[in-house]
């Protein structure tokens, strides 16, 4: 909620992740909470190269979703906490099936 108020809009998945998994040190460098978080964000940044996506767009959120590995077997998205389900609709699946656990595809990305 604090980030929403600061930005005057809903934060993107990546913005939320950065706000909760990193901080800026005295010299202005971003410091990640751990190497896994840094790896997820680096992967997201690499996936953005060559893509015409705007921060906060559905396509941008989908790139982050892919970079973090999608839904895990507990139905959570790494790094987004309780906000994950409000950003990404969990695909419906048969009880006990894990085949669709990370198969979310944004309609915007499908068009790309």
PDB file of N, CA and C in Angstrom:
ATOM      1  N   UNK A   1       0.830  -1.186   0.000  1.00  0.00           N
ATOM      2  CA  UNK A   1       0.000   0.000   0.000  1.00  0.00           C
ATOM      3  C   UNK A   1       0.876   1.252   0.000  1.00  0.00           C
ATOM      4  N   UNK A   2       1.956   1.241   0.744  1.00  0.00           N
ATOM      5  CA  UNK A   2       2.856   2.387   0.786  1.00  0.00           C
ATOM      6  C   UNK A   2       3.440   2.663  -0.600  1.00  0.00           C
ATOM      7  N   UNK A   3       3.816   1.614  -1.306  1.00  0.00           N
ATOM      8  CA  UNK A   3       4.365   1.765  -2.651  1.00  0.00           C
ATOM      9  C   UNK A   3       3.301   2.301  -3.602  1.00  0.00           C
ATOM     10  N   UNK A   4       2.077   1.839  -3.461  1.00  0.00           N
ATOM     11  CA  UNK A   4       0.968   2.331  -4.280  1.00  0.00           C
ATOM     12  C   UNK A   4       0.780   3.828  -4.066  1.00  0.00           C
ATOM     13  N   UNK A   5       0.855   4.270  -2.830  1.00  0.00           N
ATOM     14  CA  UNK A   5       0.703   5.691  -2.527  1.00  0.00           C
ATOM     15  C   UNK A   5       1.869   6.500  -3.078  1.00  0.00           C
ATOM     16  N   UNK A   6       3.073   5.974  -2.994  1.00  0.00           N
ATOM     17  CA  UNK A   6       4.251   6.669  -3.505  1.00  0.00           C
ATOM     18  C   UNK A   6       4.180   6.833  -5.017  1.00  0.00           C
ATOM     19  N   UNK A   7       3.768   5.779  -5.716  1.00  0.00           N
ATOM     20  CA  UNK A   7       3.719   5.793  -7.181  1.00  0.00           C
ATOM     21  C   UNK A   7       2.428   6.392  -7.733  1.00  0.00           C
ATOM     22  N   UNK A   8       1.404   6.506  -6.895  1.00  0.00           N
ATOM     23  CA  UNK A   8       0.062   6.935  -7.326  1.00  0.00           C
ATOM     24  C   UNK A   8      -0.542   5.992  -8.358  1.00  0.00           C
ATOM     25  N   UNK A   9      -0.170   4.720  -8.266  1.00  0.00           N
ATOM     26  CA  UNK A   9      -0.712   3.668  -9.133  1.00  0.00           C
ATOM     27  C   UNK A   9      -0.322   2.330  -8.524  1.00  0.00           C
ATOM     28  N   UNK A  10      -0.912   1.272  -9.058  1.00  0.00           N
ATOM     29  CA  UNK A  10      -0.542  -0.069  -8.607  1.00  0.00           C
ATOM     30  C   UNK A  10       0.883  -0.363  -9.080  1.00  0.00           C
ATOM     31  N   UNK A  11       1.761  -0.806  -8.188  1.00  0.00           N
ATOM     32  CA  UNK A  11       3.122  -1.127  -8.627  1.00  0.00           C
ATOM     33  C   UNK A  11       3.133  -2.371  -9.507  1.00  0.00           C
ATOM     34  N   UNK A  12       4.088  -2.410 -10.414  1.00  0.00           N
ATOM     35  CA  UNK A  12       4.249  -3.614 -11.227  1.00  0.00           C
ATOM     36  C   UNK A  12       4.807  -4.720 -10.342  1.00  0.00           C
ATOM     37  N   UNK A  13       4.757  -5.936 -10.842  1.00  0.00           N
ATOM     38  CA  UNK A  13       5.307  -7.073 -10.095  1.00  0.00           C
ATOM     39  C   UNK A  13       6.793  -6.848  -9.815  1.00  0.00           C
ATOM     40  N   UNK A  14       7.523  -6.361 -10.808  1.00  0.00           N
ATOM     41  CA  UNK A  14       8.959  -6.126 -10.635  1.00  0.00           C
ATOM     42  C   UNK A  14       9.225  -5.007  -9.631  1.00  0.00           C
ATOM     43  N   UNK A  15       8.436  -3.940  -9.670  1.00  0.00           N
ATOM     44  CA  UNK A  15       8.611  -2.840  -8.714  1.00  0.00           C
ATOM     45  C   UNK A  15       8.355  -3.317  -7.288  1.00  0.00           C
ATOM     46  N   UNK A  16       7.331  -4.120  -7.113  1.00  0.00           N
ATOM     47  CA  UNK A  16       7.026  -4.673  -5.794  1.00  0.00           C
ATOM     48  C   UNK A  16       8.175  -5.559  -5.317  1.00  0.00           C
ATOM     49  N   UNK A  17       8.697  -6.371  -6.219  1.00  0.00           N
ATOM     50  CA  UNK A  17       9.805  -7.262  -5.895  1.00  0.00           C
ATOM     51  C   UNK A  17      11.036  -6.462  -5.470  1.00  0.00           C
ATOM     52  N   UNK A  18      11.382  -5.435  -6.235  1.00  0.00           N
ATOM     53  CA  UNK A  18      12.549  -4.609  -5.909  1.00  0.00           C
ATOM     54  C   UNK A  18      12.363  -3.942  -4.546  1.00  0.00           C
ATOM     55  N   UNK A  19      11.172  -3.422  -4.291  1.00  0.00           N
ATOM     56  CA  UNK A  19      10.908  -2.729  -3.025  1.00  0.00           C
ATOM     57  C   UNK A  19      11.004  -3.657  -1.819  1.00  0.00           C
ATOM     58  N   UNK A  20      10.683  -4.924  -2.002  1.00  0.00           N
ATOM     59  CA  UNK A  20      10.667  -5.852  -0.870  1.00  0.00           C
ATOM     60  C   UNK A  20      11.906  -6.737  -0.761  1.00  0.00           C
ATOM     61  N   UNK A  21      12.732  -6.763  -1.800  1.00  0.00           N
ATOM     62  CA  UNK A  21      13.890  -7.663  -1.787  1.00  0.00           C
ATOM     63  C   UNK A  21      15.231  -6.961  -1.947  1.00  0.00           C
ATOM     64  N   UNK A  22      15.227  -5.632  -1.949  1.00  0.00           N
ATOM     65  CA  UNK A  22      16.486  -4.909  -2.075  1.00  0.00           C
ATOM     66  C   UNK A  22      16.404  -3.580  -1.345  1.00  0.00           C
ATOM     67  N   UNK A  23      17.558  -2.979  -1.191  1.00  0.00           N
ATOM     68  CA  UNK A  23      17.633  -1.626  -0.641  1.00  0.00           C
ATOM     69  C   UNK A  23      18.800  -0.929  -1.329  1.00  0.00           C
ATOM     70  N   UNK A  24      18.837   0.378  -1.214  1.00  0.00           N
ATOM     71  CA  UNK A  24      19.928   1.149  -1.794  1.00  0.00           C
ATOM     72  C   UNK A  24      20.849   1.554  -0.650  1.00  0.00           C
ATOM     73  N   UNK A  25      22.137   1.241  -0.805  1.00  0.00           N
ATOM     74  CA  UNK A  25      23.081   1.571   0.266  1.00  0.00           C
ATOM     75  C   UNK A  25      23.492   3.042   0.206  1.00  0.00           C
ATOM     76  N   UNK A  26      24.378   3.451   1.110  1.00  0.00           N
ATOM     77  CA  UNK A  26      24.798   4.849   1.207  1.00  0.00           C
ATOM     78  C   UNK A  26      25.430   5.379  -0.073  1.00  0.00           C
ATOM     79  N   UNK A  27      26.074   4.505  -0.831  1.00  0.00           N
ATOM     80  CA  UNK A  27      26.736   4.935  -2.064  1.00  0.00           C
ATOM     81  C   UNK A  27      25.811   4.895  -3.276  1.00  0.00           C
ATOM     82  N   UNK A  28      24.547   4.544  -3.064  1.00  0.00           N
ATOM     83  CA  UNK A  28      23.588   4.542  -4.162  1.00  0.00           C
ATOM     84  C   UNK A  28      23.496   3.238  -4.929  1.00  0.00           C
ATOM     85  N   UNK A  29      24.169   2.202  -4.465  1.00  0.00           N
ATOM     86  CA  UNK A  29      24.131   0.899  -5.132  1.00  0.00           C
ATOM     87  C   UNK A  29      23.013   0.040  -4.553  1.00  0.00           C
ATOM     88  N   UNK A  30      22.339  -0.693  -5.437  1.00  0.00           N
ATOM     89  CA  UNK A  30      21.276  -1.590  -4.991  1.00  0.00           C
ATOM     90  C   UNK A  30      21.897  -2.832  -4.363  1.00  0.00           C
ATOM     91  N   UNK A  31      21.404  -3.203  -3.190  1.00  0.00           N
ATOM     92  CA  UNK A  31      21.869  -4.391  -2.476  1.00  0.00           C
ATOM     93  C   UNK A  31      20.676  -5.326  -2.331  1.00  0.00           C
ATOM     94  N   UNK A  32      20.819  -6.546  -2.828  1.00  0.00           N
ATOM     95  CA  UNK A  32      19.735  -7.531  -2.780  1.00  0.00           C
ATOM     96  C   UNK A  32      19.773  -8.300  -1.475  1.00  0.00           C
ATOM     97  N   UNK A  33      18.626  -8.796  -1.045  1.00  0.00           N
ATOM     98  CA  UNK A  33      18.542  -9.542   0.217  1.00  0.00           C
ATOM     99  C   UNK A  33      19.321 -10.852   0.128  1.00  0.00           C
ATOM    100  N   UNK A  34      19.408 -11.442  -1.074  1.00  0.00           N
ATOM    101  CA  UNK A  34      20.199 -12.653  -1.279  1.00  0.00           C
ATOM    102  C   UNK A  34      20.477 -12.822  -2.767  1.00  0.00           C
ATOM    103  N   UNK A  35      21.333 -13.779  -3.083  1.00  0.00           N
ATOM    104  CA  UNK A  35      21.737 -13.973  -4.478  1.00  0.00           C
ATOM    105  C   UNK A  35      20.595 -14.514  -5.338  1.00  0.00           C
ATOM    106  N   UNK A  36      19.673 -15.246  -4.731  1.00  0.00           N
ATOM    107  CA  UNK A  36      18.544 -15.773  -5.505  1.00  0.00           C
ATOM    108  C   UNK A  36      17.664 -14.625  -5.997  1.00  0.00           C
ATOM    109  N   UNK A  37      17.385 -13.674  -5.119  1.00  0.00           N
ATOM    110  CA  UNK A  37      16.575 -12.513  -5.498  1.00  0.00           C
ATOM    111  C   UNK A  37      17.262 -11.727  -6.609  1.00  0.00           C
ATOM    112  N   UNK A  38      18.563 -11.544  -6.488  1.00  0.00           N
ATOM    113  CA  UNK A  38      19.300 -10.828  -7.523  1.00  0.00           C
ATOM    114  C   UNK A  38      19.238 -11.593  -8.840  1.00  0.00           C
ATOM    115  N   UNK A  39      19.340 -12.906  -8.779  1.00  0.00           N
ATOM    116  CA  UNK A  39      19.269 -13.726  -9.985  1.00  0.00           C
ATOM    117  C   UNK A  39      17.922 -13.622 -10.676  1.00  0.00           C
ATOM    118  N   UNK A  40      16.852 -13.613  -9.901  1.00  0.00           N
ATOM    119  CA  UNK A  40      15.508 -13.472 -10.475  1.00  0.00           C
ATOM    120  C   UNK A  40      15.390 -12.128 -11.181  1.00  0.00           C
ATOM    121  N   UNK A  41      15.839 -11.058 -10.528  1.00  0.00           N
ATOM    122  CA  UNK A  41      15.720  -9.730 -11.135  1.00  0.00           C
ATOM    123  C   UNK A  41      16.616  -9.608 -12.364  1.00  0.00           C
ATOM    124  N   UNK A  42      17.826 -10.167 -12.305  1.00  0.00           N
ATOM    125  CA  UNK A  42      18.714 -10.143 -13.466  1.00  0.00           C
ATOM    126  C   UNK A  42      18.082 -10.886 -14.643  1.00  0.00           C
ATOM    127  N   UNK A  43      17.452 -12.019 -14.369  1.00  0.00           N
ATOM    128  CA  UNK A  43      16.781 -12.784 -15.426  1.00  0.00           C
ATOM    129  C   UNK A  43      15.646 -11.963 -16.032  1.00  0.00           C
ATOM    130  N   UNK A  44      14.875 -11.293 -15.184  1.00  0.00           N
ATOM    131  CA  UNK A  44      13.790 -10.421 -15.653  1.00  0.00           C
ATOM    132  C   UNK A  44      14.351  -9.320 -16.559  1.00  0.00           C
ATOM    133  N   UNK A  45      15.433  -8.679 -16.140  1.00  0.00           N
ATOM    134  CA  UNK A  45      16.047  -7.614 -16.941  1.00  0.00           C
ATOM    135  C   UNK A  45      16.533  -8.159 -18.289  1.00  0.00           C
ATOM    136  N   UNK A  46      17.119  -9.345 -18.300  1.00  0.00           N
ATOM    137  CA  UNK A  46      17.589  -9.958 -19.541  1.00  0.00           C
ATOM    138  C   UNK A  46      16.422 -10.264 -20.472  1.00  0.00           C
ATOM    139  N   UNK A  47      15.310 -10.711 -19.906  1.00  0.00           N
ATOM    140  CA  UNK A  47      14.139 -11.036 -20.719  1.00  0.00           C
ATOM    141  C   UNK A  47      13.521  -9.785 -21.338  1.00  0.00           C
ATOM    142  N   UNK A  48      13.694  -8.633 -20.686  1.00  0.00           N
ATOM    143  CA  UNK A  48      13.140  -7.379 -21.195  1.00  0.00           C
ATOM    144  C   UNK A  48      13.900  -6.844 -22.405  1.00  0.00           C
ATOM    145  N   UNK A  49      15.173  -7.233 -22.546  1.00  0.00           N
ATOM    146  CA  UNK A  49      15.998  -6.738 -23.644  1.00  0.00           C
ATOM    147  C   UNK A  49      15.351  -7.117 -24.973  1.00  0.00           C
ATOM    148  N   UNK A  50      15.151  -6.131 -25.807  1.00  0.00           N
ATOM    149  CA  UNK A  50      14.563  -6.368 -27.118  1.00  0.00           C
ATOM    150  C   UNK A  50      13.054  -6.436 -27.126  1.00  0.00           C
ATOM    151  N   UNK A  51      12.431  -6.334 -25.964  1.00  0.00           N
ATOM    152  CA  UNK A  51      10.970  -6.351 -25.882  1.00  0.00           C
ATOM    153  C   UNK A  51      10.473  -4.924 -25.710  1.00  0.00           C
ATOM    154  N   UNK A  52       9.401  -4.613 -26.366  1.00  0.00           N
ATOM    155  CA  UNK A  52       8.810  -3.286 -26.236  1.00  0.00           C
ATOM    156  C   UNK A  52       7.702  -3.351 -25.196  1.00  0.00           C
ATOM    157  N   UNK A  53       8.098  -3.402 -23.931  1.00  0.00           N
ATOM    158  CA  UNK A  53       7.121  -3.463 -22.843  1.00  0.00           C
ATOM    159  C   UNK A  53       7.334  -2.273 -21.922  1.00  0.00           C
ATOM    160  N   UNK A  54       6.259  -1.784 -21.371  1.00  0.00           N
ATOM    161  CA  UNK A  54       6.313  -0.647 -20.461  1.00  0.00           C
ATOM    162  C   UNK A  54       6.126  -1.134 -19.034  1.00  0.00           C
ATOM    163  N   UNK A  55       6.855  -0.531 -18.107  1.00  0.00           N
ATOM    164  CA  UNK A  55       6.742  -0.889 -16.693  1.00  0.00           C
ATOM    165  C   UNK A  55       5.290  -0.766 -16.260  1.00  0.00           C
ATOM    166  N   UNK A  56       4.812  -1.787 -15.610  1.00  0.00           N
ATOM    167  CA  UNK A  56       3.438  -1.785 -15.127  1.00  0.00           C
ATOM    168  C   UNK A  56       2.435  -2.372 -16.098  1.00  0.00           C
ATOM    169  N   UNK A  57       2.877  -2.642 -17.321  1.00  0.00           N
ATOM    170  CA  UNK A  57       1.960  -3.239 -18.295  1.00  0.00           C
ATOM    171  C   UNK A  57       1.781  -4.721 -17.983  1.00  0.00           C
ATOM    172  N   UNK A  58       0.741  -5.290 -18.526  1.00  0.00           N
ATOM    173  CA  UNK A  58       0.490  -6.718 -18.323  1.00  0.00           C
ATOM    174  C   UNK A  58       1.637  -7.548 -18.897  1.00  0.00           C
ATOM    175  N   UNK A  59       2.183  -7.118 -20.032  1.00  0.00           N
ATOM    176  CA  UNK A  59       3.297  -7.842 -20.647  1.00  0.00           C
ATOM    177  C   UNK A  59       4.539  -7.790 -19.756  1.00  0.00           C
ATOM    178  N   UNK A  60       4.789  -6.647 -19.124  1.00  0.00           N
ATOM    179  CA  UNK A  60       5.927  -6.507 -18.217  1.00  0.00           C
ATOM    180  C   UNK A  60       5.753  -7.421 -17.004  1.00  0.00           C
ATOM    181  N   UNK A  61       4.555  -7.425 -16.444  1.00  0.00           N
ATOM    182  CA  UNK A  61       4.283  -8.309 -15.310  1.00  0.00           C
ATOM    183  C   UNK A  61       4.476  -9.769 -15.704  1.00  0.00           C
ATOM    184  N   UNK A  62       4.068 -10.118 -16.919  1.00  0.00           N
ATOM    185  CA  UNK A  62       4.224 -11.504 -17.376  1.00  0.00           C
ATOM    186  C   UNK A  62       5.705 -11.881 -17.495  1.00  0.00           C
ATOM    187  N   UNK A  63       6.540 -10.952 -17.951  1.00  0.00           N
ATOM    188  CA  UNK A  63       7.974 -11.238 -18.018  1.00  0.00           C
ATOM    189  C   UNK A  63       8.523 -11.531 -16.622  1.00  0.00           C
ATOM    190  N   UNK A  64       8.096 -10.750 -15.643  1.00  0.00           N
ATOM    191  CA  UNK A  64       8.551 -11.012 -14.276  1.00  0.00           C
ATOM    192  C   UNK A  64       8.046 -12.370 -13.796  1.00  0.00           C
ATOM    193  N   UNK A  65       6.799 -12.673 -14.100  1.00  0.00           N
ATOM    194  CA  UNK A  65       6.201 -13.958 -13.724  1.00  0.00           C
ATOM    195  C   UNK A  65       7.053 -15.114 -14.255  1.00  0.00           C
ATOM    196  N   UNK A  66       7.476 -15.006 -15.507  1.00  0.00           N
ATOM    197  CA  UNK A  66       8.317 -16.049 -16.099  1.00  0.00           C
ATOM    198  C   UNK A  66       9.697 -16.081 -15.446  1.00  0.00           C
ATOM    199  N   UNK A  67      10.266 -14.908 -15.176  1.00  0.00           N
ATOM    200  CA  UNK A  67      11.606 -14.835 -14.585  1.00  0.00           C
ATOM    201  C   UNK A  67      11.651 -15.456 -13.195  1.00  0.00           C
ATOM    202  N   UNK A  68      10.582 -15.302 -12.431  1.00  0.00           N
ATOM    203  CA  UNK A  68      10.582 -15.837 -11.062  1.00  0.00           C
ATOM    204  C   UNK A  68      10.142 -17.295 -11.016  1.00  0.00           C
ATOM    205  N   UNK A  69       9.746 -17.843 -12.139  1.00  0.00           N
ATOM    206  CA  UNK A  69       9.398 -19.263 -12.191  1.00  0.00           C
ATOM    207  C   UNK A  69       7.920 -19.564 -12.078  1.00  0.00           C
ATOM    208  N   UNK A  70       7.081 -18.537 -12.070  1.00  0.00           N
ATOM    209  CA  UNK A  70       5.637 -18.760 -12.008  1.00  0.00           C
ATOM    210  C   UNK A  70       5.199 -19.268 -10.648  1.00  0.00           C
ATOM    211  N   UNK A  71       4.061 -19.922 -10.623  1.00  0.00           N
ATOM    212  CA  UNK A  71       3.534 -20.475  -9.376  1.00  0.00           C
ATOM    213  C   UNK A  71       4.357 -21.675  -8.939  1.00  0.00           C
ATOM    214  N   UNK A  72       4.648 -21.763  -7.652  1.00  0.00           N
ATOM    215  CA  UNK A  72       5.332 -22.949  -7.150  1.00  0.00           C
ATOM    216  C   UNK A  72       4.291 -23.997  -6.765  1.00  0.00           C
ATOM    217  N   UNK A  73       4.744 -25.119  -6.235  1.00  0.00           N
ATOM    218  CA  UNK A  73       3.805 -26.202  -5.923  1.00  0.00           C
ATOM    219  C   UNK A  73       2.891 -25.881  -4.738  1.00  0.00           C
ATOM    220  N   UNK A  74       3.166 -24.797  -4.030  1.00  0.00           N
ATOM    221  CA  UNK A  74       2.286 -24.360  -2.945  1.00  0.00           C
ATOM    222  C   UNK A  74       1.332 -23.261  -3.409  1.00  0.00           C
ATOM    223  N   UNK A  75       1.374 -22.945  -4.696  1.00  0.00           N
ATOM    224  CA  UNK A  75       0.482 -21.933  -5.236  1.00  0.00           C
ATOM    225  C   UNK A  75       0.935 -20.507  -4.990  1.00  0.00           C
ATOM    226  N   UNK A  76       2.221 -20.321  -4.767  1.00  0.00           N
ATOM    227  CA  UNK A  76       2.763 -18.991  -4.509  1.00  0.00           C
ATOM    228  C   UNK A  76       3.703 -18.568  -5.622  1.00  0.00           C
ATOM    229  N   UNK A  77       3.887 -17.265  -5.731  1.00  0.00           N
ATOM    230  CA  UNK A  77       4.824 -16.700  -6.697  1.00  0.00           C
ATOM    231  C   UNK A  77       5.969 -16.100  -5.900  1.00  0.00           C
ATOM    232  N   UNK A  78       7.193 -16.546  -6.171  1.00  0.00           N
ATOM    233  CA  UNK A  78       8.347 -16.081  -5.409  1.00  0.00           C
ATOM    234  C   UNK A  78       8.444 -14.555  -5.441  1.00  0.00           C
ATOM    235  N   UNK A  79       8.577 -13.978  -4.265  1.00  0.00           N
ATOM    236  CA  UNK A  79       8.856 -12.559  -4.152  1.00  0.00           C
ATOM    237  C   UNK A  79       7.677 -11.624  -4.117  1.00  0.00           C
ATOM    238  N   UNK A  80       6.463 -12.129  -4.298  1.00  0.00           N
ATOM    239  CA  UNK A  80       5.313 -11.229  -4.344  1.00  0.00           C
ATOM    240  C   UNK A  80       4.397 -11.351  -3.135  1.00  0.00           C
ATOM    241  N   UNK A  81       4.656 -12.297  -2.272  1.00  0.00           N
ATOM    242  CA  UNK A  81       3.850 -12.443  -1.067  1.00  0.00           C
ATOM    243  C   UNK A  81       2.367 -12.552  -1.362  1.00  0.00           C
ATOM    244  N   UNK A  82       1.574 -11.908  -0.551  1.00  0.00           N
ATOM    245  CA  UNK A  82       0.117 -11.991  -0.700  1.00  0.00           C
ATOM    246  C   UNK A  82      -0.398 -11.218  -1.906  1.00  0.00           C
ATOM    247  N   UNK A  83       0.455 -10.405  -2.531  1.00  0.00           N
ATOM    248  CA  UNK A  83       0.038  -9.634  -3.706  1.00  0.00           C
ATOM    249  C   UNK A  83       0.041 -10.469  -4.989  1.00  0.00           C
ATOM    250  N   UNK A  84       0.731 -11.592  -4.991  1.00  0.00           N
ATOM    251  CA  UNK A  84       0.826 -12.424  -6.192  1.00  0.00           C
ATOM    252  C   UNK A  84      -0.504 -12.728  -6.843  1.00  0.00           C
ATOM    253  N   UNK A  85      -1.474 -13.267  -6.093  1.00  0.00           N
ATOM    254  CA  UNK A  85      -2.770 -13.596  -6.699  1.00  0.00           C
ATOM    255  C   UNK A  85      -3.543 -12.379  -7.214  1.00  0.00           C
ATOM    256  N   UNK A  86      -3.261 -11.193  -6.672  1.00  0.00           N
ATOM    257  CA  UNK A  86      -3.967 -10.005  -7.167  1.00  0.00           C
ATOM    258  C   UNK A  86      -3.381  -9.521  -8.489  1.00  0.00           C
ATOM    259  N   UNK A  87      -2.159  -9.937  -8.791  1.00  0.00           N
ATOM    260  CA  UNK A  87      -1.523  -9.547 -10.052  1.00  0.00           C
ATOM    261  C   UNK A  87      -1.720 -10.625 -11.108  1.00  0.00           C
ATOM    262  N   UNK A  88      -1.602 -11.886 -10.707  1.00  0.00           N
ATOM    263  CA  UNK A  88      -1.689 -13.005 -11.641  1.00  0.00           C
ATOM    264  C   UNK A  88      -2.794 -13.959 -11.235  1.00  0.00           C
ATOM    265  N   UNK A  89      -3.716 -14.176 -12.141  1.00  0.00           N
ATOM    266  CA  UNK A  89      -4.785 -15.135 -11.881  1.00  0.00           C
ATOM    267  C   UNK A  89      -4.200 -16.533 -11.946  1.00  0.00           C
ATOM    268  N   UNK A  90      -4.449 -17.300 -10.925  1.00  0.00           N
ATOM    269  CA  UNK A  90      -3.951 -18.675 -10.918  1.00  0.00           C
ATOM    270  C   UNK A  90      -4.815 -19.509 -11.854  1.00  0.00           C
ATOM    271  N   UNK A  91      -4.175 -20.247 -12.766  1.00  0.00           N
ATOM    272  CA  UNK A  91      -4.959 -21.080 -13.676  1.00  0.00           C
ATOM    273  C   UNK A  91      -5.706 -22.163 -12.916  1.00  0.00           C
ATOM    274  N   UNK A  92      -6.922 -22.439 -13.344  1.00  0.00           N
ATOM    275  CA  UNK A  92      -7.661 -23.524 -12.701  1.00  0.00           C
ATOM    276  C   UNK A  92      -7.057 -24.837 -13.161  1.00  0.00           C
ATOM    277  N   UNK A  93      -7.078 -25.806 -12.272  1.00  0.00           N
ATOM    278  CA  UNK A  93      -6.493 -27.102 -12.621  1.00  0.00           C
ATOM    279  C   UNK A  93      -7.217 -28.188 -11.862  1.00  0.00           C
ATOM    280  N   UNK A  94      -7.084 -29.379 -12.366  1.00  0.00           N
ATOM    281  CA  UNK A  94      -7.701 -30.524 -11.704  1.00  0.00           C
ATOM    282  C   UNK A  94      -7.016 -30.754 -10.367  1.00  0.00           C
ATOM    283  N   UNK A  95      -7.765 -31.210  -9.408  1.00  0.00           N
ATOM    284  CA  UNK A  95      -7.207 -31.448  -8.077  1.00  0.00           C
ATOM    285  C   UNK A  95      -6.051 -32.436  -8.153  1.00  0.00           C
ATOM    286  N   UNK A  96      -4.937 -32.045  -7.546  1.00  0.00           N
ATOM    287  CA  UNK A  96      -3.777 -32.925  -7.501  1.00  0.00           C
ATOM    288  C   UNK A  96      -2.877 -32.830  -8.718  1.00  0.00           C
ATOM    289  N   UNK A  97      -3.283 -32.102  -9.735  1.00  0.00           N
ATOM    290  CA  UNK A  97      -2.469 -31.981 -10.935  1.00  0.00           C
ATOM    291  C   UNK A  97      -1.503 -30.819 -10.796  1.00  0.00           C
ATOM    292  N   UNK A  98      -0.260 -31.014 -11.208  1.00  0.00           N
ATOM    293  CA  UNK A  98       0.706 -29.923 -11.186  1.00  0.00           C
ATOM    294  C   UNK A  98       1.105 -29.515 -12.589  1.00  0.00           C
ATOM    295  N   UNK A  99       0.483 -30.090 -13.587  1.00  0.00           N
ATOM    296  CA  UNK A  99       0.863 -29.819 -14.970  1.00  0.00           C
ATOM    297  C   UNK A  99       0.684 -28.360 -15.350  1.00  0.00           C
ATOM    298  N   UNK A 100      -0.294 -27.691 -14.753  1.00  0.00           N
ATOM    299  CA  UNK A 100      -0.541 -26.310 -15.123  1.00  0.00           C
ATOM    300  C   UNK A 100      -0.033 -25.316 -14.087  1.00  0.00           C
ATOM    301  N   UNK A 101       0.802 -25.742 -13.184  1.00  0.00           N
ATOM    302  CA  UNK A 101       1.214 -24.894 -12.071  1.00  0.00           C
ATOM    303  C   UNK A 101       1.826 -23.572 -12.510  1.00  0.00           C
ATOM    304  N   UNK A 102       2.532 -23.537 -13.629  1.00  0.00           N
ATOM    305  CA  UNK A 102       3.123 -22.270 -14.057  1.00  0.00           C
ATOM    306  C   UNK A 102       2.816 -22.005 -15.526  1.00  0.00           C
ATOM    307  N   UNK A 103       1.588 -22.285 -15.935  1.00  0.00           N
ATOM    308  CA  UNK A 103       1.251 -22.154 -17.345  1.00  0.00           C
ATOM    309  C   UNK A 103       0.498 -20.873 -17.675  1.00  0.00           C
ATOM    310  N   UNK A 104       0.492 -19.898 -16.785  1.00  0.00           N
ATOM    311  CA  UNK A 104      -0.195 -18.638 -17.045  1.00  0.00           C
ATOM    312  C   UNK A 104       0.390 -17.979 -18.280  1.00  0.00           C
ATOM    313  N   UNK A 105      -0.462 -17.547 -19.189  1.00  0.00           N
ATOM    314  CA  UNK A 105      -0.024 -16.811 -20.357  1.00  0.00           C
ATOM    315  C   UNK A 105      -0.897 -15.583 -20.507  1.00  0.00           C
ATOM    316  N   UNK A 106      -0.280 -14.449 -20.457  1.00  0.00           N
ATOM    317  CA  UNK A 106      -0.998 -13.193 -20.606  1.00  0.00           C
ATOM    318  C   UNK A 106      -1.521 -13.067 -22.027  1.00  0.00           C
ATOM    319  N   UNK A 107      -2.755 -12.586 -22.205  1.00  0.00           N
ATOM    320  CA  UNK A 107      -3.275 -12.370 -23.554  1.00  0.00           C
ATOM    321  C   UNK A 107      -2.421 -11.382 -24.339  1.00  0.00           C
ATOM    322  N   UNK A 108      -1.831 -10.401 -23.659  1.00  0.00           N
ATOM    323  CA  UNK A 108      -0.988  -9.418 -24.332  1.00  0.00           C
ATOM    324  C   UNK A 108       0.263 -10.080 -24.871  1.00  0.00           C
ATOM    325  N   UNK A 109       0.887 -10.944 -24.080  1.00  0.00           N
ATOM    326  CA  UNK A 109       2.097 -11.621 -24.508  1.00  0.00           C
ATOM    327  C   UNK A 109       1.791 -12.599 -25.627  1.00  0.00           C
ATOM    328  N   UNK A 110       0.631 -13.230 -25.591  1.00  0.00           N
ATOM    329  CA  UNK A 110       0.239 -14.150 -26.645  1.00  0.00           C
ATOM    330  C   UNK A 110       0.212 -13.432 -27.991  1.00  0.00           C
ATOM    331  N   UNK A 111      -0.192 -12.167 -27.987  1.00  0.00           N
ATOM    332  CA  UNK A 111      -0.259 -11.391 -29.221  1.00  0.00           C
ATOM    333  C   UNK A 111       1.117 -11.013 -29.736  1.00  0.00           C
ATOM    334  N   UNK A 112       2.121 -10.964 -28.840  1.00  0.00           N
ATOM    335  CA  UNK A 112       3.470 -10.598 -29.250  1.00  0.00           C
ATOM    336  C   UNK A 112       4.027 -11.719 -30.036  1.00  0.00           C
TER     337      UNK A 112
END
